[in-house]
């Protein structure tokens, strides 16, 4: 029984996209972490945009409180 092959990073492919695609110099490429390179390539998924439903849920959970009379908001 043999162990499965470990999947490593495709360094030649990453170098091609970094040097040719992004226009990085070799020193700039090698100074990046894999996470930074993935971010530059748009491979990292960000948070989804806030939806109206989520905004309403948050507003219901943490409602704004009216300013106290004579507060420091310049209106009292």
PDB file of N, CA and C in Angstrom:
ATOM      1  N   UNK A   1       0.843  -1.170   0.000  1.00  0.00           N
ATOM      2  CA  UNK A   1       0.000   0.000   0.000  1.00  0.00           C
ATOM      3  C   UNK A   1       0.891   1.237   0.000  1.00  0.00           C
ATOM      4  N   UNK A   2       0.654   2.120  -0.929  1.00  0.00           N
ATOM      5  CA  UNK A   2       1.484   3.318  -1.016  1.00  0.00           C
ATOM      6  C   UNK A   2       0.706   4.535  -0.527  1.00  0.00           C
ATOM      7  N   UNK A   3       1.444   5.480  -0.028  1.00  0.00           N
ATOM      8  CA  UNK A   3       0.837   6.716   0.453  1.00  0.00           C
ATOM      9  C   UNK A   3       0.478   7.608  -0.732  1.00  0.00           C
ATOM     10  N   UNK A   4      -0.584   8.378  -0.612  1.00  0.00           N
ATOM     11  CA  UNK A   4      -0.926   9.294  -1.703  1.00  0.00           C
ATOM     12  C   UNK A   4       0.133  10.375  -1.832  1.00  0.00           C
ATOM     13  N   UNK A   5       0.336  10.829  -3.044  1.00  0.00           N
ATOM     14  CA  UNK A   5       1.316  11.874  -3.294  1.00  0.00           C
ATOM     15  C   UNK A   5       0.827  13.188  -2.693  1.00  0.00           C
ATOM     16  N   UNK A   6       1.720  13.859  -2.018  1.00  0.00           N
ATOM     17  CA  UNK A   6       1.386  15.168  -1.463  1.00  0.00           C
ATOM     18  C   UNK A   6       1.286  16.175  -2.601  1.00  0.00           C
ATOM     19  N   UNK A   7       0.269  16.986  -2.536  1.00  0.00           N
ATOM     20  CA  UNK A   7       0.107  18.015  -3.558  1.00  0.00           C
ATOM     21  C   UNK A   7       0.759  19.287  -3.050  1.00  0.00           C
ATOM     22  N   UNK A   8       1.772  19.703  -3.738  1.00  0.00           N
ATOM     23  CA  UNK A   8       2.453  20.931  -3.356  1.00  0.00           C
ATOM     24  C   UNK A   8       2.008  22.084  -4.229  1.00  0.00           C
ATOM     25  N   UNK A   9       2.701  23.174  -4.092  1.00  0.00           N
ATOM     26  CA  UNK A   9       2.406  24.345  -4.907  1.00  0.00           C
ATOM     27  C   UNK A   9       3.015  24.179  -6.291  1.00  0.00           C
ATOM     28  N   UNK A  10       2.348  24.679  -7.280  1.00  0.00           N
ATOM     29  CA  UNK A  10       2.835  24.666  -8.661  1.00  0.00           C
ATOM     30  C   UNK A  10       3.746  25.878  -8.847  1.00  0.00           C
ATOM     31  N   UNK A  11       4.987  25.752  -8.373  1.00  0.00           N
ATOM     32  CA  UNK A  11       5.897  26.893  -8.413  1.00  0.00           C
ATOM     33  C   UNK A  11       6.146  27.412  -9.821  1.00  0.00           C
ATOM     34  N   UNK A  12       6.373  26.551 -10.825  1.00  0.00           N
ATOM     35  CA  UNK A  12       6.557  27.100 -12.178  1.00  0.00           C
ATOM     36  C   UNK A  12       5.338  27.900 -12.651  1.00  0.00           C
ATOM     37  N   UNK A  13       4.148  27.380 -12.384  1.00  0.00           N
ATOM     38  CA  UNK A  13       2.935  28.098 -12.776  1.00  0.00           C
ATOM     39  C   UNK A  13       2.773  29.402 -12.014  1.00  0.00           C
ATOM     40  N   UNK A  14       3.061  29.357 -10.715  1.00  0.00           N
ATOM     41  CA  UNK A  14       2.964  30.574  -9.910  1.00  0.00           C
ATOM     42  C   UNK A  14       3.980  31.619 -10.356  1.00  0.00           C
ATOM     43  N   UNK A  15       5.181  31.163 -10.707  1.00  0.00           N
ATOM     44  CA  UNK A  15       6.196  32.100 -11.191  1.00  0.00           C
ATOM     45  C   UNK A  15       5.770  32.733 -12.510  1.00  0.00           C
ATOM     46  N   UNK A  16       5.200  31.922 -13.413  1.00  0.00           N
ATOM     47  CA  UNK A  16       4.735  32.475 -14.693  1.00  0.00           C
ATOM     48  C   UNK A  16       3.697  33.563 -14.474  1.00  0.00           C
ATOM     49  N   UNK A  17       2.704  33.262 -13.653  1.00  0.00           N
ATOM     50  CA  UNK A  17       1.643  34.246 -13.442  1.00  0.00           C
ATOM     51  C   UNK A  17       2.157  35.452 -12.657  1.00  0.00           C
ATOM     52  N   UNK A  18       3.082  35.242 -11.746  1.00  0.00           N
ATOM     53  CA  UNK A  18       3.629  36.358 -10.979  1.00  0.00           C
ATOM     54  C   UNK A  18       4.527  37.256 -11.807  1.00  0.00           C
ATOM     55  N   UNK A  19       5.444  36.637 -12.564  1.00  0.00           N
ATOM     56  CA  UNK A  19       6.407  37.418 -13.335  1.00  0.00           C
ATOM     57  C   UNK A  19       5.801  37.975 -14.616  1.00  0.00           C
ATOM     58  N   UNK A  20       5.072  37.142 -15.339  1.00  0.00           N
ATOM     59  CA  UNK A  20       4.481  37.597 -16.606  1.00  0.00           C
ATOM     60  C   UNK A  20       3.144  38.289 -16.396  1.00  0.00           C
ATOM     61  N   UNK A  21       2.268  37.627 -15.668  1.00  0.00           N
ATOM     62  CA  UNK A  21       0.914  38.155 -15.510  1.00  0.00           C
ATOM     63  C   UNK A  21       0.839  39.402 -14.649  1.00  0.00           C
ATOM     64  N   UNK A  22       1.522  39.385 -13.517  1.00  0.00           N
ATOM     65  CA  UNK A  22       1.474  40.526 -12.600  1.00  0.00           C
ATOM     66  C   UNK A  22       2.622  41.504 -12.818  1.00  0.00           C
ATOM     67  N   UNK A  23       3.610  41.101 -13.596  1.00  0.00           N
ATOM     68  CA  UNK A  23       4.743  41.978 -13.863  1.00  0.00           C
ATOM     69  C   UNK A  23       5.676  42.164 -12.679  1.00  0.00           C
ATOM     70  N   UNK A  24       5.703  41.174 -11.786  1.00  0.00           N
ATOM     71  CA  UNK A  24       6.592  41.262 -10.629  1.00  0.00           C
ATOM     72  C   UNK A  24       8.030  40.976 -11.036  1.00  0.00           C
ATOM     73  N   UNK A  25       8.962  41.593 -10.356  1.00  0.00           N
ATOM     74  CA  UNK A  25      10.367  41.230 -10.522  1.00  0.00           C
ATOM     75  C   UNK A  25      10.614  39.993  -9.661  1.00  0.00           C
ATOM     76  N   UNK A  26      11.634  39.190  -9.984  1.00  0.00           N
ATOM     77  CA  UNK A  26      11.872  37.974  -9.197  1.00  0.00           C
ATOM     78  C   UNK A  26      11.984  38.225  -7.694  1.00  0.00           C
ATOM     79  N   UNK A  27      12.688  39.266  -7.297  1.00  0.00           N
ATOM     80  CA  UNK A  27      12.832  39.551  -5.861  1.00  0.00           C
ATOM     81  C   UNK A  27      11.477  39.862  -5.226  1.00  0.00           C
ATOM     82  N   UNK A  28      10.608  40.552  -5.961  1.00  0.00           N
ATOM     83  CA  UNK A  28       9.275  40.860  -5.442  1.00  0.00           C
ATOM     84  C   UNK A  28       8.446  39.586  -5.312  1.00  0.00           C
ATOM     85  N   UNK A  29       8.554  38.711  -6.321  1.00  0.00           N
ATOM     86  CA  UNK A  29       7.815  37.447  -6.286  1.00  0.00           C
ATOM     87  C   UNK A  29       8.229  36.618  -5.076  1.00  0.00           C
ATOM     88  N   UNK A  30       9.530  36.451  -4.873  1.00  0.00           N
ATOM     89  CA  UNK A  30      10.006  35.590  -3.792  1.00  0.00           C
ATOM     90  C   UNK A  30       9.802  36.216  -2.421  1.00  0.00           C
ATOM     91  N   UNK A  31       9.575  37.517  -2.351  1.00  0.00           N
ATOM     92  CA  UNK A  31       9.310  38.163  -1.065  1.00  0.00           C
ATOM     93  C   UNK A  31       7.865  37.958  -0.613  1.00  0.00           C
ATOM     94  N   UNK A  32       6.986  37.563  -1.535  1.00  0.00           N
ATOM     95  CA  UNK A  32       5.576  37.355  -1.196  1.00  0.00           C
ATOM     96  C   UNK A  32       5.363  36.025  -0.491  1.00  0.00           C
ATOM     97  N   UNK A  33       4.383  35.995   0.388  1.00  0.00           N
ATOM     98  CA  UNK A  33       3.928  34.720   0.937  1.00  0.00           C
ATOM     99  C   UNK A  33       2.909  34.141  -0.041  1.00  0.00           C
ATOM    100  N   UNK A  34       2.657  32.835   0.000  1.00  0.00           N
ATOM    101  CA  UNK A  34       1.614  32.277  -0.869  1.00  0.00           C
ATOM    102  C   UNK A  34       0.258  32.954  -0.667  1.00  0.00           C
ATOM    103  N   UNK A  35      -0.053  33.346   0.560  1.00  0.00           N
ATOM    104  CA  UNK A  35      -1.328  34.026   0.822  1.00  0.00           C
ATOM    105  C   UNK A  35      -1.373  35.393   0.139  1.00  0.00           C
ATOM    106  N   UNK A  36      -0.263  36.124   0.170  1.00  0.00           N
ATOM    107  CA  UNK A  36      -0.219  37.433  -0.491  1.00  0.00           C
ATOM    108  C   UNK A  36      -0.352  37.288  -2.000  1.00  0.00           C
ATOM    109  N   UNK A  37       0.309  36.285  -2.567  1.00  0.00           N
ATOM    110  CA  UNK A  37       0.205  36.044  -4.003  1.00  0.00           C
ATOM    111  C   UNK A  37      -1.224  35.675  -4.380  1.00  0.00           C
ATOM    112  N   UNK A  38      -1.860  34.830  -3.589  1.00  0.00           N
ATOM    113  CA  UNK A  38      -3.253  34.452  -3.859  1.00  0.00           C
ATOM    114  C   UNK A  38      -4.157  35.674  -3.806  1.00  0.00           C
ATOM    115  N   UNK A  39      -3.910  36.570  -2.871  1.00  0.00           N
ATOM    116  CA  UNK A  39      -4.703  37.790  -2.770  1.00  0.00           C
ATOM    117  C   UNK A  39      -4.516  38.653  -4.013  1.00  0.00           C
ATOM    118  N   UNK A  40      -3.282  38.793  -4.479  1.00  0.00           N
ATOM    119  CA  UNK A  40      -3.010  39.587  -5.673  1.00  0.00           C
ATOM    120  C   UNK A  40      -3.663  38.988  -6.910  1.00  0.00           C
ATOM    121  N   UNK A  41      -3.780  37.673  -6.928  1.00  0.00           N
ATOM    122  CA  UNK A  41      -4.376  36.987  -8.072  1.00  0.00           C
ATOM    123  C   UNK A  41      -5.893  36.933  -7.985  1.00  0.00           C
ATOM    124  N   UNK A  42      -6.441  37.404  -6.887  1.00  0.00           N
ATOM    125  CA  UNK A  42      -7.889  37.378  -6.728  1.00  0.00           C
ATOM    126  C   UNK A  42      -8.418  36.009  -6.370  1.00  0.00           C
ATOM    127  N   UNK A  43      -7.576  35.159  -5.812  1.00  0.00           N
ATOM    128  CA  UNK A  43      -7.975  33.798  -5.469  1.00  0.00           C
ATOM    129  C   UNK A  43      -8.614  33.702  -4.093  1.00  0.00           C
ATOM    130  N   UNK A  44      -8.548  34.771  -3.325  1.00  0.00           N
ATOM    131  CA  UNK A  44      -9.085  34.743  -1.973  1.00  0.00           C
ATOM    132  C   UNK A  44     -10.493  35.318  -2.000  1.00  0.00           C
ATOM    133  N   UNK A  45     -11.435  34.533  -1.555  1.00  0.00           N
ATOM    134  CA  UNK A  45     -12.818  35.006  -1.522  1.00  0.00           C
ATOM    135  C   UNK A  45     -13.010  35.931  -0.330  1.00  0.00           C
ATOM    136  N   UNK A  46     -13.595  37.061  -0.575  1.00  0.00           N
ATOM    137  CA  UNK A  46     -13.868  37.999   0.499  1.00  0.00           C
ATOM    138  C   UNK A  46     -15.246  37.756   1.087  1.00  0.00           C
ATOM    139  N   UNK A  47     -15.602  38.594   1.998  1.00  0.00           N
ATOM    140  CA  UNK A  47     -16.929  38.507   2.596  1.00  0.00           C
ATOM    141  C   UNK A  47     -17.969  38.936   1.570  1.00  0.00           C
ATOM    142  N   UNK A  48     -19.124  38.306   1.596  1.00  0.00           N
ATOM    143  CA  UNK A  48     -20.172  38.729   0.664  1.00  0.00           C
ATOM    144  C   UNK A  48     -20.689  40.109   1.057  1.00  0.00           C
ATOM    145  N   UNK A  49     -21.236  40.849   0.108  1.00  0.00           N
ATOM    146  CA  UNK A  49     -21.756  42.173   0.444  1.00  0.00           C
ATOM    147  C   UNK A  49     -22.924  42.084   1.415  1.00  0.00           C
ATOM    148  N   UNK A  50     -23.094  43.136   2.182  1.00  0.00           N
ATOM    149  CA  UNK A  50     -24.181  43.206   3.151  1.00  0.00           C
ATOM    150  C   UNK A  50     -25.506  43.332   2.405  1.00  0.00           C
ATOM    151  N   UNK A  51     -26.434  42.451   2.716  1.00  0.00           N
ATOM    152  CA  UNK A  51     -27.752  42.493   2.077  1.00  0.00           C
ATOM    153  C   UNK A  51     -28.707  43.331   2.917  1.00  0.00           C
ATOM    154  N   UNK A  52     -29.807  43.730   2.315  1.00  0.00           N
ATOM    155  CA  UNK A  52     -30.827  44.498   3.030  1.00  0.00           C
ATOM    156  C   UNK A  52     -31.348  43.702   4.229  1.00  0.00           C
ATOM    157  N   UNK A  53     -31.586  42.400   4.017  1.00  0.00           N
ATOM    158  CA  UNK A  53     -32.101  41.552   5.100  1.00  0.00           C
ATOM    159  C   UNK A  53     -31.119  41.496   6.264  1.00  0.00           C
ATOM    160  N   UNK A  54     -29.832  41.371   5.968  1.00  0.00           N
ATOM    161  CA  UNK A  54     -28.825  41.314   7.035  1.00  0.00           C
ATOM    162  C   UNK A  54     -28.724  42.653   7.758  1.00  0.00           C
ATOM    163  N   UNK A  55     -28.813  43.754   7.007  1.00  0.00           N
ATOM    164  CA  UNK A  55     -28.784  45.071   7.619  1.00  0.00           C
ATOM    165  C   UNK A  55     -29.963  45.247   8.572  1.00  0.00           C
ATOM    166  N   UNK A  56     -31.148  44.834   8.140  1.00  0.00           N
ATOM    167  CA  UNK A  56     -32.331  44.938   8.996  1.00  0.00           C
ATOM    168  C   UNK A  56     -32.199  44.053  10.236  1.00  0.00           C
ATOM    169  N   UNK A  57     -31.614  42.880  10.058  1.00  0.00           N
ATOM    170  CA  UNK A  57     -31.387  41.987  11.198  1.00  0.00           C
ATOM    171  C   UNK A  57     -30.453  42.639  12.217  1.00  0.00           C
ATOM    172  N   UNK A  58     -29.380  43.243  11.737  1.00  0.00           N
ATOM    173  CA  UNK A  58     -28.432  43.907  12.634  1.00  0.00           C
ATOM    174  C   UNK A  58     -29.064  45.121  13.311  1.00  0.00           C
ATOM    175  N   UNK A  59     -29.855  45.893  12.550  1.00  0.00           N
ATOM    176  CA  UNK A  59     -30.511  47.069  13.121  1.00  0.00           C
ATOM    177  C   UNK A  59     -31.509  46.668  14.205  1.00  0.00           C
ATOM    178  N   UNK A  60     -32.200  45.547  14.010  1.00  0.00           N
ATOM    179  CA  UNK A  60     -33.149  45.081  15.023  1.00  0.00           C
ATOM    180  C   UNK A  60     -32.418  44.581  16.267  1.00  0.00           C
ATOM    181  N   UNK A  61     -31.271  43.973  16.054  1.00  0.00           N
ATOM    182  CA  UNK A  61     -30.518  43.430  17.181  1.00  0.00           C
ATOM    183  C   UNK A  61     -29.827  44.521  17.989  1.00  0.00           C
ATOM    184  N   UNK A  62     -29.307  45.522  17.312  1.00  0.00           N
ATOM    185  CA  UNK A  62     -28.613  46.629  17.976  1.00  0.00           C
ATOM    186  C   UNK A  62     -29.195  47.951  17.483  1.00  0.00           C
ATOM    187  N   UNK A  63     -30.362  48.331  18.010  1.00  0.00           N
ATOM    188  CA  UNK A  63     -30.991  49.575  17.539  1.00  0.00           C
ATOM    189  C   UNK A  63     -30.212  50.806  17.994  1.00  0.00           C
ATOM    190  N   UNK A  64     -30.322  51.861  17.184  1.00  0.00           N
ATOM    191  CA  UNK A  64     -29.735  53.142  17.575  1.00  0.00           C
ATOM    192  C   UNK A  64     -30.524  53.688  18.752  1.00  0.00           C
ATOM    193  N   UNK A  65     -29.822  54.298  19.671  1.00  0.00           N
ATOM    194  CA  UNK A  65     -30.490  54.903  20.823  1.00  0.00           C
ATOM    195  C   UNK A  65     -30.529  56.411  20.608  1.00  0.00           C
ATOM    196  N   UNK A  66     -31.655  57.044  20.928  1.00  0.00           N
ATOM    197  CA  UNK A  66     -31.691  58.506  20.786  1.00  0.00           C
ATOM    198  C   UNK A  66     -30.697  59.150  21.749  1.00  0.00           C
ATOM    199  N   UNK A  67     -30.128  60.269  21.318  1.00  0.00           N
ATOM    200  CA  UNK A  67     -29.166  60.985  22.165  1.00  0.00           C
ATOM    201  C   UNK A  67     -29.872  61.519  23.398  1.00  0.00           C
ATOM    202  N   UNK A  68     -29.189  61.495  24.517  1.00  0.00           N
ATOM    203  CA  UNK A  68     -29.758  61.999  25.773  1.00  0.00           C
ATOM    204  C   UNK A  68     -29.934  63.512  25.683  1.00  0.00           C
ATOM    205  N   UNK A  69     -30.960  64.037  26.347  1.00  0.00           N
ATOM    206  CA  UNK A  69     -31.206  65.483  26.354  1.00  0.00           C
ATOM    207  C   UNK A  69     -30.005  66.203  26.946  1.00  0.00           C
ATOM    208  N   UNK A  70     -29.608  67.290  26.292  1.00  0.00           N
ATOM    209  CA  UNK A  70     -28.461  68.056  26.779  1.00  0.00           C
ATOM    210  C   UNK A  70     -27.143  67.360  26.504  1.00  0.00           C
ATOM    211  N   UNK A  71     -27.155  66.429  25.549  1.00  0.00           N
ATOM    212  CA  UNK A  71     -25.935  65.700  25.213  1.00  0.00           C
ATOM    213  C   UNK A  71     -24.930  66.581  24.499  1.00  0.00           C
ATOM    214  N   UNK A  72     -23.883  65.976  24.039  1.00  0.00           N
ATOM    215  CA  UNK A  72     -22.797  66.722  23.401  1.00  0.00           C
ATOM    216  C   UNK A  72     -22.886  66.666  21.887  1.00  0.00           C
ATOM    217  N   UNK A  73     -24.090  66.411  21.349  1.00  0.00           N
ATOM    218  CA  UNK A  73     -24.199  66.317  19.896  1.00  0.00           C
ATOM    219  C   UNK A  73     -24.385  67.686  19.248  1.00  0.00           C
ATOM    220  N   UNK A  74     -24.410  68.761  20.046  1.00  0.00           N
ATOM    221  CA  UNK A  74     -24.526  70.111  19.522  1.00  0.00           C
ATOM    222  C   UNK A  74     -25.951  70.533  19.236  1.00  0.00           C
ATOM    223  N   UNK A  75     -26.917  69.681  19.512  1.00  0.00           N
ATOM    224  CA  UNK A  75     -28.311  70.008  19.236  1.00  0.00           C
ATOM    225  C   UNK A  75     -29.082  70.356  20.509  1.00  0.00           C
ATOM    226  N   UNK A  76     -28.539  70.121  21.661  1.00  0.00           N
ATOM    227  CA  UNK A  76     -29.292  70.307  22.895  1.00  0.00           C
ATOM    228  C   UNK A  76     -28.761  71.417  23.663  1.00  0.00           C
TER     229      UNK A  76
END
